[in-house]
Amino acid sequence: MADIILNDAEISNLIKEQKKFPPNYETLFQTKDKKGHREQEIILPRNDDSQFKVILRQNQINQFDFSLILLYATKENGINKVEKV
């Protein structure tokens, strides 16, 4: 499984793309306790058979300390973090 190499414009387009959450999206944000934080992963399918994976992490002590991670996956390449290098 090779990493997907995206240029800045492709990354910007993925970030700007509207993410389609299901109607019951509130129930998807039920976080699970992990070591020192809570975490939840949500899969959001795209029209071209690829998908976004959103990971929400929140510190158990400080609720304002959180991360939202956007991953992009294709069938050929698996999951890749959307970031500029």
C-alpha atoms as a PDB file:
ATOM      1  CA  MET A   1       0.000   0.000   0.000  1.00  0.00           C
ATOM      2  CA  ALA A   2       1.680   3.188  -1.221  1.00  0.00           C
ATOM      3  CA  ASP A   3       0.963   6.647   0.109  1.00  0.00           C
ATOM      4  CA  ILE A   4      -1.052   8.931  -2.115  1.00  0.00           C
ATOM      5  CA  ILE A   5       0.930  12.009  -3.154  1.00  0.00           C
ATOM      6  CA  LEU A   6      -1.393  14.996  -3.435  1.00  0.00           C
ATOM      7  CA  ASN A   7      -0.474  18.502  -4.480  1.00  0.00           C
ATOM      8  CA  ASP A   8      -1.630  21.590  -2.550  1.00  0.00           C
ATOM      9  CA  ALA A   9      -4.659  22.150  -4.802  1.00  0.00           C
ATOM     10  CA  GLU A  10      -5.844  18.542  -4.385  1.00  0.00           C
ATOM     11  CA  ILE A  11      -5.475  18.752  -0.610  1.00  0.00           C
ATOM     12  CA  SER A  12      -7.355  22.056  -0.527  1.00  0.00           C
ATOM     13  CA  ASN A  13     -10.158  20.537  -2.603  1.00  0.00           C
ATOM     14  CA  LEU A  14     -10.466  17.564  -0.234  1.00  0.00           C
ATOM     15  CA  ILE A  15     -10.588  19.866   2.784  1.00  0.00           C
ATOM     16  CA  LYS A  16     -13.151  22.180   1.151  1.00  0.00           C
ATOM     17  CA  GLU A  17     -15.348  19.313  -0.031  1.00  0.00           C
ATOM     18  CA  GLN A  18     -18.634  19.125   1.834  1.00  0.00           C
ATOM     19  CA  LYS A  19     -18.597  16.101   4.136  1.00  0.00           C
ATOM     20  CA  LYS A  20     -21.935  14.267   4.054  1.00  0.00           C
ATOM     21  CA  PHE A  21     -22.836  13.117   7.539  1.00  0.00           C
ATOM     22  CA  PRO A  22     -25.790  10.732   7.915  1.00  0.00           C
ATOM     23  CA  PRO A  23     -29.046  12.046   9.451  1.00  0.00           C
ATOM     24  CA  ASN A  24     -28.229  10.452  12.830  1.00  0.00           C
ATOM     25  CA  TYR A  25     -24.746  11.958  12.990  1.00  0.00           C
ATOM     26  CA  GLU A  26     -25.153  13.015  16.649  1.00  0.00           C
ATOM     27  CA  THR A  27     -25.109   9.360  17.699  1.00  0.00           C
ATOM     28  CA  LEU A  28     -21.832   8.854  15.823  1.00  0.00           C
ATOM     29  CA  PHE A  29     -20.040  11.228  18.202  1.00  0.00           C
ATOM     30  CA  GLN A  30     -20.344   8.889  21.187  1.00  0.00           C
ATOM     31  CA  THR A  31     -16.685   8.807  22.163  1.00  0.00           C
ATOM     32  CA  LYS A  32     -14.905   5.824  23.698  1.00  0.00           C
ATOM     33  CA  ASP A  33     -12.466   6.171  26.565  1.00  0.00           C
ATOM     34  CA  LYS A  34      -8.853   5.513  25.660  1.00  0.00           C
ATOM     35  CA  LYS A  35      -5.613   6.259  27.533  1.00  0.00           C
ATOM     36  CA  GLY A  36      -6.039   9.855  28.720  1.00  0.00           C
ATOM     37  CA  HIS A  37      -8.523  10.848  26.022  1.00  0.00           C
ATOM     38  CA  ARG A  38     -11.829  10.006  24.399  1.00  0.00           C
ATOM     39  CA  GLU A  39     -11.926   9.041  20.744  1.00  0.00           C
ATOM     40  CA  GLN A  40     -14.392   8.323  17.974  1.00  0.00           C
ATOM     41  CA  GLU A  41     -13.918   7.429  14.316  1.00  0.00           C
ATOM     42  CA  ILE A  42     -16.510   8.144  11.642  1.00  0.00           C
ATOM     43  CA  ILE A  43     -16.441   6.862   8.052  1.00  0.00           C
ATOM     44  CA  LEU A  44     -17.945   9.171   5.423  1.00  0.00           C
ATOM     45  CA  PRO A  45     -18.308   7.571   1.972  1.00  0.00           C
ATOM     46  CA  ARG A  46     -17.721   9.637  -1.178  1.00  0.00           C
ATOM     47  CA  ASN A  47     -19.400   9.286  -4.583  1.00  0.00           C
ATOM     48  CA  ASP A  48     -16.267   7.835  -6.251  1.00  0.00           C
ATOM     49  CA  ASP A  49     -15.980   4.819  -3.886  1.00  0.00           C
ATOM     50  CA  SER A  50     -13.285   6.507  -1.828  1.00  0.00           C
ATOM     51  CA  GLN A  51     -14.033   7.684   1.690  1.00  0.00           C
ATOM     52  CA  PHE A  52     -13.155  10.139   4.402  1.00  0.00           C
ATOM     53  CA  LYS A  53     -12.409   8.976   7.905  1.00  0.00           C
ATOM     54  CA  VAL A  54     -12.834  11.573  10.629  1.00  0.00           C
ATOM     55  CA  ILE A  55     -11.190  10.936  13.991  1.00  0.00           C
ATOM     56  CA  LEU A  56     -12.218  13.053  16.963  1.00  0.00           C
ATOM     57  CA  ARG A  57      -9.970  12.992  20.050  1.00  0.00           C
ATOM     58  CA  GLN A  58     -10.686  14.904  23.229  1.00  0.00           C
ATOM     59  CA  ASN A  59      -8.571  15.152  26.371  1.00  0.00           C
ATOM     60  CA  GLN A  60     -10.392  13.681  29.385  1.00  0.00           C
ATOM     61  CA  ILE A  61      -9.201  16.434  31.733  1.00  0.00           C
ATOM     62  CA  ASN A  62      -9.427  19.509  29.486  1.00  0.00           C
ATOM     63  CA  GLN A  63     -12.410  19.377  27.085  1.00  0.00           C
ATOM     64  CA  PHE A  64     -10.952  22.283  25.097  1.00  0.00           C
ATOM     65  CA  ASP A  65      -7.905  20.165  24.234  1.00  0.00           C
ATOM     66  CA  PHE A  66      -9.058  18.210  21.199  1.00  0.00           C
ATOM     67  CA  SER A  67      -8.032  17.134  17.709  1.00  0.00           C
ATOM     68  CA  LEU A  68     -10.035  16.520  14.590  1.00  0.00           C
ATOM     69  CA  ILE A  69      -8.139  14.427  12.054  1.00  0.00           C
ATOM     70  CA  LEU A  70      -9.224  14.063   8.434  1.00  0.00           C
ATOM     71  CA  LEU A  71      -8.094  10.935   6.583  1.00  0.00           C
ATOM     72  CA  TYR A  72      -8.707  10.088   2.942  1.00  0.00           C
ATOM     73  CA  ALA A  73      -8.924   6.514   1.673  1.00  0.00           C
ATOM     74  CA  THR A  74      -9.137   4.902  -1.727  1.00  0.00           C
ATOM     75  CA  LYS A  75      -9.641   1.211  -2.386  1.00  0.00           C
ATOM     76  CA  GLU A  76      -6.221   1.003  -4.012  1.00  0.00           C
ATOM     77  CA  ASN A  77      -4.173   2.937  -1.466  1.00  0.00           C
ATOM     78  CA  GLY A  78      -5.947   2.555   1.867  1.00  0.00           C
ATOM     79  CA  ILE A  79      -6.095   5.332   4.439  1.00  0.00           C
ATOM     80  CA  ASN A  80      -3.890   8.433   4.174  1.00  0.00           C
ATOM     81  CA  LYS A  81      -3.738  11.486   6.407  1.00  0.00           C
ATOM     82  CA  VAL A  82      -4.713  14.694   4.585  1.00  0.00           C
ATOM     83  CA  GLU A  83      -1.877  17.086   5.333  1.00  0.00           C
ATOM     84  CA  LYS A  84       0.616  19.332   3.670  1.00  0.00           C
ATOM     85  CA  VAL A  85       4.206  18.117   3.841  1.00  0.00           C
END
